[in-house]
Amino acid sequence: MLKAAKISFSEAKMKIFIFGIVNCVLYIILFLFLKWFNLMHFSGLRMLNYVIFFLLSLYQVKRRVKHAGKYTPSIQALGIIFLTGAWSFLLLAGFILAYSLADPYITEQYFNTYGKLNSTSSFLIFFEGVAGSTIVALIAMIYADMYKDGDKKI
């Protein structure tokens, strides 16, 4: 059975910042891939953002346990993963808003409502990401707790 790791606020902040940017870069790569292969109209493929976030979140928890040799308390794992997801989807919403100014197809796809430019879509992307982050954070909390119980080996 492992001991609980003490994660400082500055360390948690740095992990949230770094993993949020990594997640966002992967979302952007997926976004551009869908655009280049003309798959943007299949809205179900956007679910892959959550798959990417889920896999990187589990990696983030496992990496923390492996480097520290101690488990991450479940509440800390929940908070760190949730904030990482919120940060990454905030960056993605900003990217899509900025990208849509240069690409009329994306503007039409996301922001054009009844002939007017409607920027609330970027807020919807962000809040949809926050909702998905909540679910992934709860799963990561359970995953982090498995190390505490000794169910999972390092």
N, C-alpha and C. Protein backbone atom coordinates (compact mmCIF):
# COMPACT_ATOMS: atom_id res chain seq x y z
N MET A 1 0.85 -1.17 0.00
CA MET A 1 0.00 0.00 0.00
C MET A 1 0.90 1.24 0.00
N LEU A 2 0.56 2.19 -0.84
CA LEU A 2 1.36 3.40 -1.00
C LEU A 2 0.91 4.49 -0.03
N LYS A 3 1.81 5.42 0.25
CA LYS A 3 1.47 6.58 1.06
C LYS A 3 0.89 7.67 0.18
N ALA A 4 0.19 8.59 0.80
CA ALA A 4 -0.40 9.71 0.05
C ALA A 4 0.69 10.72 -0.29
N ALA A 5 0.64 11.22 -1.51
CA ALA A 5 1.59 12.25 -1.94
C ALA A 5 1.07 13.61 -1.52
N LYS A 6 1.98 14.47 -1.14
CA LYS A 6 1.61 15.85 -0.82
C LYS A 6 1.94 16.70 -2.03
N ILE A 7 0.92 17.15 -2.72
CA ILE A 7 1.10 17.93 -3.94
C ILE A 7 0.96 19.40 -3.56
N SER A 8 2.02 20.16 -3.81
CA SER A 8 1.97 21.59 -3.50
C SER A 8 1.11 22.31 -4.53
N PHE A 9 0.63 23.48 -4.14
CA PHE A 9 -0.22 24.26 -5.04
C PHE A 9 0.54 24.65 -6.30
N SER A 10 1.80 25.05 -6.16
CA SER A 10 2.57 25.46 -7.34
C SER A 10 2.84 24.29 -8.28
N GLU A 11 3.06 23.09 -7.72
CA GLU A 11 3.26 21.91 -8.56
C GLU A 11 1.98 21.55 -9.29
N ALA A 12 0.86 21.60 -8.59
CA ALA A 12 -0.43 21.29 -9.22
C ALA A 12 -0.74 22.30 -10.31
N LYS A 13 -0.46 23.58 -10.03
CA LYS A 13 -0.71 24.63 -11.02
C LYS A 13 0.13 24.40 -12.28
N MET A 14 1.38 23.99 -12.10
CA MET A 14 2.26 23.74 -13.25
C MET A 14 1.77 22.54 -14.06
N LYS A 15 1.34 21.48 -13.39
CA LYS A 15 0.82 20.29 -14.09
C LYS A 15 -0.45 20.63 -14.86
N ILE A 16 -1.32 21.41 -14.24
CA ILE A 16 -2.55 21.82 -14.92
C ILE A 16 -2.22 22.63 -16.17
N PHE A 17 -1.30 23.55 -16.04
CA PHE A 17 -0.91 24.40 -17.16
C PHE A 17 -0.30 23.58 -18.30
N ILE A 18 0.66 22.73 -17.98
CA ILE A 18 1.37 21.95 -19.01
C ILE A 18 0.43 20.94 -19.68
N PHE A 19 -0.27 20.12 -18.88
CA PHE A 19 -1.14 19.11 -19.47
C PHE A 19 -2.33 19.75 -20.19
N GLY A 20 -2.79 20.91 -19.74
CA GLY A 20 -3.85 21.62 -20.45
C GLY A 20 -3.41 22.04 -21.84
N ILE A 21 -2.18 22.53 -21.95
CA ILE A 21 -1.66 22.92 -23.26
C ILE A 21 -1.45 21.70 -24.14
N VAL A 22 -0.93 20.62 -23.58
CA VAL A 22 -0.74 19.39 -24.36
C VAL A 22 -2.08 18.88 -24.87
N ASN A 23 -3.09 18.85 -24.00
CA ASN A 23 -4.42 18.43 -24.43
C ASN A 23 -4.93 19.32 -25.55
N CYS A 24 -4.81 20.62 -25.39
CA CYS A 24 -5.31 21.56 -26.40
C CYS A 24 -4.60 21.37 -27.74
N VAL A 25 -3.30 21.17 -27.71
CA VAL A 25 -2.56 20.94 -28.97
C VAL A 25 -3.09 19.69 -29.66
N LEU A 26 -3.37 18.64 -28.90
CA LEU A 26 -3.92 17.43 -29.51
C LEU A 26 -5.34 17.66 -30.04
N TYR A 27 -6.15 18.46 -29.34
CA TYR A 27 -7.48 18.80 -29.84
C TYR A 27 -7.37 19.58 -31.16
N ILE A 28 -6.42 20.50 -31.22
CA ILE A 28 -6.24 21.30 -32.43
C ILE A 28 -5.80 20.42 -33.59
N ILE A 29 -4.90 19.47 -33.33
CA ILE A 29 -4.48 18.53 -34.38
C ILE A 29 -5.68 17.75 -34.87
N LEU A 30 -6.52 17.27 -33.96
CA LEU A 30 -7.73 16.55 -34.35
C LEU A 30 -8.67 17.46 -35.14
N PHE A 31 -8.84 18.68 -34.68
CA PHE A 31 -9.69 19.65 -35.36
C PHE A 31 -9.23 19.88 -36.80
N LEU A 32 -7.94 20.09 -36.97
CA LEU A 32 -7.39 20.32 -38.31
C LEU A 32 -7.47 19.07 -39.17
N PHE A 33 -7.27 17.91 -38.57
CA PHE A 33 -7.42 16.64 -39.28
C PHE A 33 -8.84 16.49 -39.81
N LEU A 34 -9.83 16.78 -38.96
CA LEU A 34 -11.22 16.67 -39.39
C LEU A 34 -11.54 17.68 -40.49
N LYS A 35 -10.95 18.86 -40.41
CA LYS A 35 -11.18 19.87 -41.44
C LYS A 35 -10.54 19.47 -42.76
N TRP A 36 -9.29 19.03 -42.70
CA TRP A 36 -8.57 18.69 -43.93
C TRP A 36 -9.19 17.50 -44.66
N PHE A 37 -9.76 16.55 -43.91
CA PHE A 37 -10.38 15.40 -44.53
C PHE A 37 -11.89 15.56 -44.68
N ASN A 38 -12.36 16.81 -44.55
CA ASN A 38 -13.76 17.16 -44.77
C ASN A 38 -14.72 16.31 -43.91
N LEU A 39 -14.38 16.17 -42.64
CA LEU A 39 -15.20 15.40 -41.72
C LEU A 39 -15.85 16.26 -40.64
N MET A 40 -15.79 17.58 -40.80
CA MET A 40 -16.31 18.48 -39.77
C MET A 40 -17.83 18.34 -39.58
N HIS A 41 -18.52 17.97 -40.62
CA HIS A 41 -19.97 17.88 -40.50
C HIS A 41 -20.42 16.65 -39.70
N PHE A 42 -19.51 15.71 -39.43
CA PHE A 42 -19.83 14.58 -38.56
C PHE A 42 -19.55 15.01 -37.12
N SER A 43 -20.56 15.53 -36.48
CA SER A 43 -20.36 16.10 -35.14
C SER A 43 -20.00 15.04 -34.10
N GLY A 44 -20.33 13.80 -34.36
CA GLY A 44 -19.99 12.73 -33.42
C GLY A 44 -18.49 12.50 -33.30
N LEU A 45 -17.74 12.86 -34.33
CA LEU A 45 -16.28 12.70 -34.28
C LEU A 45 -15.63 13.67 -33.30
N ARG A 46 -16.35 14.71 -32.94
CA ARG A 46 -15.81 15.65 -31.94
C ARG A 46 -15.71 14.99 -30.57
N MET A 47 -16.36 13.87 -30.40
CA MET A 47 -16.27 13.10 -29.16
C MET A 47 -14.84 12.61 -28.92
N LEU A 48 -14.06 12.55 -29.97
CA LEU A 48 -12.67 12.13 -29.83
C LEU A 48 -11.87 13.07 -28.94
N ASN A 49 -12.30 14.33 -28.82
CA ASN A 49 -11.65 15.24 -27.87
C ASN A 49 -11.69 14.67 -26.45
N TYR A 50 -12.82 14.08 -26.09
CA TYR A 50 -12.97 13.54 -24.75
C TYR A 50 -12.17 12.26 -24.57
N VAL A 51 -12.05 11.50 -25.65
CA VAL A 51 -11.21 10.29 -25.59
C VAL A 51 -9.75 10.70 -25.36
N ILE A 52 -9.30 11.71 -26.09
CA ILE A 52 -7.93 12.22 -25.90
C ILE A 52 -7.75 12.71 -24.47
N PHE A 53 -8.70 13.49 -23.98
CA PHE A 53 -8.61 14.01 -22.62
C PHE A 53 -8.61 12.89 -21.59
N PHE A 54 -9.45 11.89 -21.80
CA PHE A 54 -9.54 10.76 -20.88
C PHE A 54 -8.21 10.01 -20.80
N LEU A 55 -7.64 9.70 -21.96
CA LEU A 55 -6.38 8.95 -21.97
C LEU A 55 -5.24 9.75 -21.34
N LEU A 56 -5.15 11.03 -21.66
CA LEU A 56 -4.10 11.84 -21.07
C LEU A 56 -4.31 12.07 -19.56
N SER A 57 -5.54 12.07 -19.13
CA SER A 57 -5.81 12.23 -17.70
C SER A 57 -5.36 11.00 -16.92
N LEU A 58 -5.65 9.82 -17.45
CA LEU A 58 -5.19 8.61 -16.79
C LEU A 58 -3.66 8.54 -16.80
N TYR A 59 -3.06 8.98 -17.90
CA TYR A 59 -1.60 9.04 -17.97
C TYR A 59 -1.06 10.02 -16.93
N GLN A 60 -1.73 11.13 -16.77
CA GLN A 60 -1.29 12.16 -15.81
C GLN A 60 -1.30 11.60 -14.38
N VAL A 61 -2.34 10.86 -14.02
CA VAL A 61 -2.43 10.27 -12.69
C VAL A 61 -1.35 9.21 -12.52
N LYS A 62 -1.21 8.34 -13.52
CA LYS A 62 -0.22 7.26 -13.43
C LYS A 62 1.20 7.82 -13.37
N ARG A 63 1.46 8.85 -14.15
CA ARG A 63 2.79 9.46 -14.16
C ARG A 63 3.12 10.06 -12.80
N ARG A 64 2.14 10.67 -12.19
CA ARG A 64 2.35 11.26 -10.86
C ARG A 64 2.69 10.18 -9.84
N VAL A 65 1.99 9.07 -9.88
CA VAL A 65 2.24 7.97 -8.94
C VAL A 65 3.61 7.36 -9.20
N LYS A 66 3.95 7.19 -10.46
CA LYS A 66 5.21 6.57 -10.82
C LYS A 66 6.40 7.43 -10.38
N HIS A 67 6.32 8.73 -10.59
CA HIS A 67 7.44 9.61 -10.24
C HIS A 67 7.56 9.84 -8.73
N ALA A 68 6.44 9.94 -8.05
CA ALA A 68 6.48 10.23 -6.61
C ALA A 68 6.61 8.96 -5.78
N GLY A 69 6.18 7.83 -6.35
CA GLY A 69 6.17 6.59 -5.57
C GLY A 69 5.07 6.58 -4.52
N LYS A 70 4.15 7.53 -4.63
CA LYS A 70 3.03 7.65 -3.70
C LYS A 70 1.77 7.89 -4.52
N TYR A 71 0.64 7.51 -3.96
CA TYR A 71 -0.60 7.72 -4.68
C TYR A 71 -1.08 9.16 -4.53
N THR A 72 -1.83 9.61 -5.50
CA THR A 72 -2.44 10.94 -5.45
C THR A 72 -3.79 10.80 -4.76
N PRO A 73 -4.05 11.55 -3.70
CA PRO A 73 -5.38 11.48 -3.07
C PRO A 73 -6.48 11.78 -4.09
N SER A 74 -7.58 11.10 -3.94
CA SER A 74 -8.63 11.16 -4.96
C SER A 74 -9.19 12.56 -5.17
N ILE A 75 -9.32 13.34 -4.10
CA ILE A 75 -9.86 14.69 -4.24
C ILE A 75 -8.88 15.58 -5.00
N GLN A 76 -7.59 15.41 -4.74
CA GLN A 76 -6.60 16.18 -5.48
C GLN A 76 -6.59 15.77 -6.95
N ALA A 77 -6.72 14.48 -7.22
CA ALA A 77 -6.78 14.01 -8.61
C ALA A 77 -8.01 14.60 -9.30
N LEU A 78 -9.14 14.62 -8.60
CA LEU A 78 -10.36 15.20 -9.16
C LEU A 78 -10.15 16.66 -9.52
N GLY A 79 -9.60 17.44 -8.59
CA GLY A 79 -9.40 18.86 -8.83
C GLY A 79 -8.42 19.14 -9.95
N ILE A 80 -7.30 18.42 -9.95
CA ILE A 80 -6.27 18.65 -10.97
C ILE A 80 -6.78 18.28 -12.35
N ILE A 81 -7.44 17.15 -12.47
CA ILE A 81 -7.94 16.72 -13.79
C ILE A 81 -9.06 17.63 -14.26
N PHE A 82 -9.95 18.03 -13.37
CA PHE A 82 -11.03 18.93 -13.77
C PHE A 82 -10.48 20.26 -14.26
N LEU A 83 -9.56 20.84 -13.52
CA LEU A 83 -9.00 22.13 -13.93
C LEU A 83 -8.16 22.01 -15.20
N THR A 84 -7.49 20.88 -15.37
CA THR A 84 -6.75 20.65 -16.62
C THR A 84 -7.71 20.64 -17.81
N GLY A 85 -8.84 19.95 -17.65
CA GLY A 85 -9.82 19.90 -18.73
C GLY A 85 -10.45 21.26 -19.00
N ALA A 86 -10.79 21.98 -17.95
CA ALA A 86 -11.39 23.31 -18.14
C ALA A 86 -10.41 24.24 -18.85
N TRP A 87 -9.14 24.22 -18.45
CA TRP A 87 -8.12 25.05 -19.08
C TRP A 87 -7.93 24.66 -20.54
N SER A 88 -7.87 23.36 -20.83
CA SER A 88 -7.63 22.93 -22.21
C SER A 88 -8.81 23.28 -23.11
N PHE A 89 -10.03 23.16 -22.62
CA PHE A 89 -11.18 23.50 -23.46
C PHE A 89 -11.37 25.02 -23.58
N LEU A 90 -10.91 25.78 -22.60
CA LEU A 90 -10.90 27.23 -22.75
C LEU A 90 -9.94 27.63 -23.88
N LEU A 91 -8.78 27.01 -23.90
CA LEU A 91 -7.82 27.27 -24.98
C LEU A 91 -8.38 26.85 -26.34
N LEU A 92 -9.05 25.69 -26.38
CA LEU A 92 -9.64 25.22 -27.63
C LEU A 92 -10.73 26.17 -28.12
N ALA A 93 -11.58 26.64 -27.23
CA ALA A 93 -12.64 27.57 -27.62
C ALA A 93 -12.05 28.86 -28.17
N GLY A 94 -10.98 29.35 -27.53
CA GLY A 94 -10.30 30.54 -28.04
C GLY A 94 -9.68 30.30 -29.41
N PHE A 95 -9.09 29.12 -29.60
CA PHE A 95 -8.50 28.79 -30.89
C PHE A 95 -9.57 28.74 -31.98
N ILE A 96 -10.68 28.07 -31.70
CA ILE A 96 -11.73 27.95 -32.72
C ILE A 96 -12.33 29.32 -33.04
N LEU A 97 -12.49 30.16 -32.04
CA LEU A 97 -12.99 31.52 -32.29
C LEU A 97 -12.02 32.29 -33.17
N ALA A 98 -10.73 32.23 -32.87
CA ALA A 98 -9.73 32.94 -33.67
C ALA A 98 -9.61 32.34 -35.08
N TYR A 99 -9.65 31.02 -35.17
CA TYR A 99 -9.52 30.35 -36.46
C TYR A 99 -10.72 30.65 -37.36
N SER A 100 -11.88 30.78 -36.75
CA SER A 100 -13.08 31.04 -37.53
C SER A 100 -13.06 32.41 -38.20
N LEU A 101 -12.28 33.34 -37.67
CA LEU A 101 -12.18 34.66 -38.28
C LEU A 101 -11.44 34.59 -39.62
N ALA A 102 -10.58 33.58 -39.79
CA ALA A 102 -9.82 33.43 -41.03
C ALA A 102 -10.44 32.43 -41.99
N ASP A 103 -11.32 31.58 -41.51
CA ASP A 103 -11.88 30.52 -42.36
C ASP A 103 -13.40 30.63 -42.41
N PRO A 104 -13.97 30.99 -43.56
CA PRO A 104 -15.42 31.15 -43.64
C PRO A 104 -16.19 29.84 -43.42
N TYR A 105 -15.58 28.69 -43.76
CA TYR A 105 -16.26 27.42 -43.55
C TYR A 105 -16.49 27.15 -42.06
N ILE A 106 -15.47 27.42 -41.26
CA ILE A 106 -15.60 27.22 -39.81
C ILE A 106 -16.59 28.22 -39.23
N THR A 107 -16.56 29.45 -39.74
CA THR A 107 -17.52 30.45 -39.29
C THR A 107 -18.94 29.97 -39.57
N GLU A 108 -19.15 29.44 -40.75
CA GLU A 108 -20.48 28.92 -41.13
C GLU A 108 -20.85 27.72 -40.26
N GLN A 109 -19.89 26.86 -40.00
CA GLN A 109 -20.14 25.63 -39.24
C GLN A 109 -20.47 25.92 -37.77
N TYR A 110 -19.74 26.84 -37.15
CA TYR A 110 -19.86 27.06 -35.71
C TYR A 110 -20.61 28.32 -35.31
N PHE A 111 -20.39 29.41 -36.04
CA PHE A 111 -20.77 30.71 -35.51
C PHE A 111 -21.87 31.43 -36.27
N ASN A 112 -22.26 30.98 -37.43
CA ASN A 112 -23.24 31.70 -38.22
C ASN A 112 -24.64 31.22 -37.86
N THR A 113 -25.40 32.07 -37.23
CA THR A 113 -26.76 31.72 -36.84
C THR A 113 -27.71 32.75 -37.44
N TYR A 114 -28.57 32.31 -38.32
CA TYR A 114 -29.57 33.16 -38.95
C TYR A 114 -28.94 34.38 -39.63
N GLY A 115 -27.81 34.17 -40.28
CA GLY A 115 -27.18 35.24 -41.04
C GLY A 115 -26.34 36.20 -40.23
N LYS A 116 -26.25 35.99 -38.91
CA LYS A 116 -25.44 36.87 -38.07
C LYS A 116 -24.28 36.07 -37.48
N LEU A 117 -23.18 36.75 -37.23
CA LEU A 117 -22.05 36.13 -36.56
C LEU A 117 -22.38 36.03 -35.07
N ASN A 118 -22.39 34.83 -34.55
CA ASN A 118 -22.78 34.58 -33.17
C ASN A 118 -21.61 33.93 -32.44
N SER A 119 -20.96 34.67 -31.54
CA SER A 119 -19.78 34.16 -30.86
C SER A 119 -20.10 33.34 -29.62
N THR A 120 -21.36 33.12 -29.32
CA THR A 120 -21.70 32.31 -28.15
C THR A 120 -21.32 30.84 -28.34
N SER A 121 -21.05 30.45 -29.57
CA SER A 121 -20.64 29.06 -29.81
C SER A 121 -19.34 28.73 -29.11
N SER A 122 -18.42 29.70 -29.01
CA SER A 122 -17.17 29.44 -28.30
C SER A 122 -17.44 29.20 -26.82
N PHE A 123 -18.42 29.90 -26.25
CA PHE A 123 -18.79 29.64 -24.86
C PHE A 123 -19.40 28.26 -24.71
N LEU A 124 -20.19 27.85 -25.69
CA LEU A 124 -20.80 26.53 -25.64
C LEU A 124 -19.74 25.44 -25.73
N ILE A 125 -18.73 25.65 -26.58
CA ILE A 125 -17.63 24.69 -26.68
C ILE A 125 -16.92 24.57 -25.33
N PHE A 126 -16.67 25.72 -24.71
CA PHE A 126 -16.01 25.72 -23.40
C PHE A 126 -16.85 24.99 -22.36
N PHE A 127 -18.13 25.32 -22.25
CA PHE A 127 -18.96 24.71 -21.21
C PHE A 127 -19.22 23.23 -21.49
N GLU A 128 -19.27 22.84 -22.75
CA GLU A 128 -19.38 21.42 -23.08
C GLU A 128 -18.11 20.69 -22.62
N GLY A 129 -16.97 21.33 -22.81
CA GLY A 129 -15.71 20.75 -22.36
C GLY A 129 -15.63 20.65 -20.85
N VAL A 130 -16.17 21.65 -20.15
CA VAL A 130 -16.18 21.62 -18.68
C VAL A 130 -17.07 20.47 -18.20
N ALA A 131 -18.20 20.26 -18.86
CA ALA A 131 -19.07 19.16 -18.48
C ALA A 131 -18.38 17.81 -18.70
N GLY A 132 -17.71 17.68 -19.83
CA GLY A 132 -16.95 16.45 -20.10
C GLY A 132 -15.80 16.28 -19.12
N SER A 133 -15.19 17.39 -18.74
CA SER A 133 -14.09 17.33 -17.77
C SER A 133 -14.55 16.84 -16.41
N THR A 134 -15.77 17.17 -16.06
CA THR A 134 -16.32 16.70 -14.79
C THR A 134 -16.42 15.18 -14.78
N ILE A 135 -16.91 14.62 -15.85
CA ILE A 135 -17.06 13.16 -15.93
C ILE A 135 -15.70 12.48 -15.94
N VAL A 136 -14.78 13.00 -16.74
CA VAL A 136 -13.44 12.41 -16.80
C VAL A 136 -12.73 12.55 -15.46
N ALA A 137 -12.92 13.68 -14.77
CA ALA A 137 -12.29 13.88 -13.47
C ALA A 137 -12.82 12.88 -12.44
N LEU A 138 -14.10 12.57 -12.50
CA LEU A 138 -14.65 11.57 -11.58
C LEU A 138 -14.06 10.19 -11.86
N ILE A 139 -13.89 9.86 -13.14
CA ILE A 139 -13.28 8.58 -13.49
C ILE A 139 -11.82 8.56 -13.04
N ALA A 140 -11.10 9.66 -13.24
CA ALA A 140 -9.70 9.73 -12.82
C ALA A 140 -9.58 9.66 -11.30
N MET A 141 -10.56 10.16 -10.60
CA MET A 141 -10.56 10.07 -9.14
C MET A 141 -10.63 8.60 -8.71
N ILE A 142 -11.49 7.84 -9.35
CA ILE A 142 -11.59 6.41 -9.05
C ILE A 142 -10.30 5.70 -9.43
N TYR A 143 -9.73 6.07 -10.56
CA TYR A 143 -8.47 5.48 -11.01
C TYR A 143 -7.35 5.79 -10.02
N ALA A 144 -7.28 7.01 -9.53
CA ALA A 144 -6.25 7.38 -8.54
C ALA A 144 -6.46 6.62 -7.24
N ASP A 145 -7.70 6.36 -6.89
CA ASP A 145 -8.00 5.64 -5.66
C ASP A 145 -7.58 4.18 -5.74
N MET A 146 -7.47 3.63 -6.93
CA MET A 146 -7.04 2.24 -7.08
C MET A 146 -5.61 2.05 -6.60
N TYR A 147 -4.78 3.07 -6.72
CA TYR A 147 -3.41 2.97 -6.23
C TYR A 147 -3.37 2.97 -4.71
N LYS A 148 -4.29 3.68 -4.11
CA LYS A 148 -4.36 3.75 -2.64
C LYS A 148 -4.68 2.39 -2.06
N ASP A 149 -5.62 1.70 -2.67
CA ASP A 149 -6.07 0.42 -2.17
C ASP A 149 -5.11 -0.72 -2.48
N GLY A 150 -4.15 -0.46 -3.34
CA GLY A 150 -3.20 -1.50 -3.72
C GLY A 150 -3.72 -2.39 -4.85
N ASP A 151 -4.85 -2.00 -5.45
CA ASP A 151 -5.39 -2.78 -6.56
C ASP A 151 -4.52 -2.66 -7.81
N LYS A 152 -3.86 -1.57 -7.93
CA LYS A 152 -3.07 -1.28 -9.12
C LYS A 152 -1.61 -1.16 -8.71
N LYS A 153 -0.74 -1.77 -9.46
CA LYS A 153 0.69 -1.69 -9.19
C LYS A 153 1.30 -0.56 -10.01
N ILE A 154 2.41 -0.04 -9.52
CA ILE A 154 3.07 1.08 -10.22
C ILE A 154 3.66 0.61 -11.48
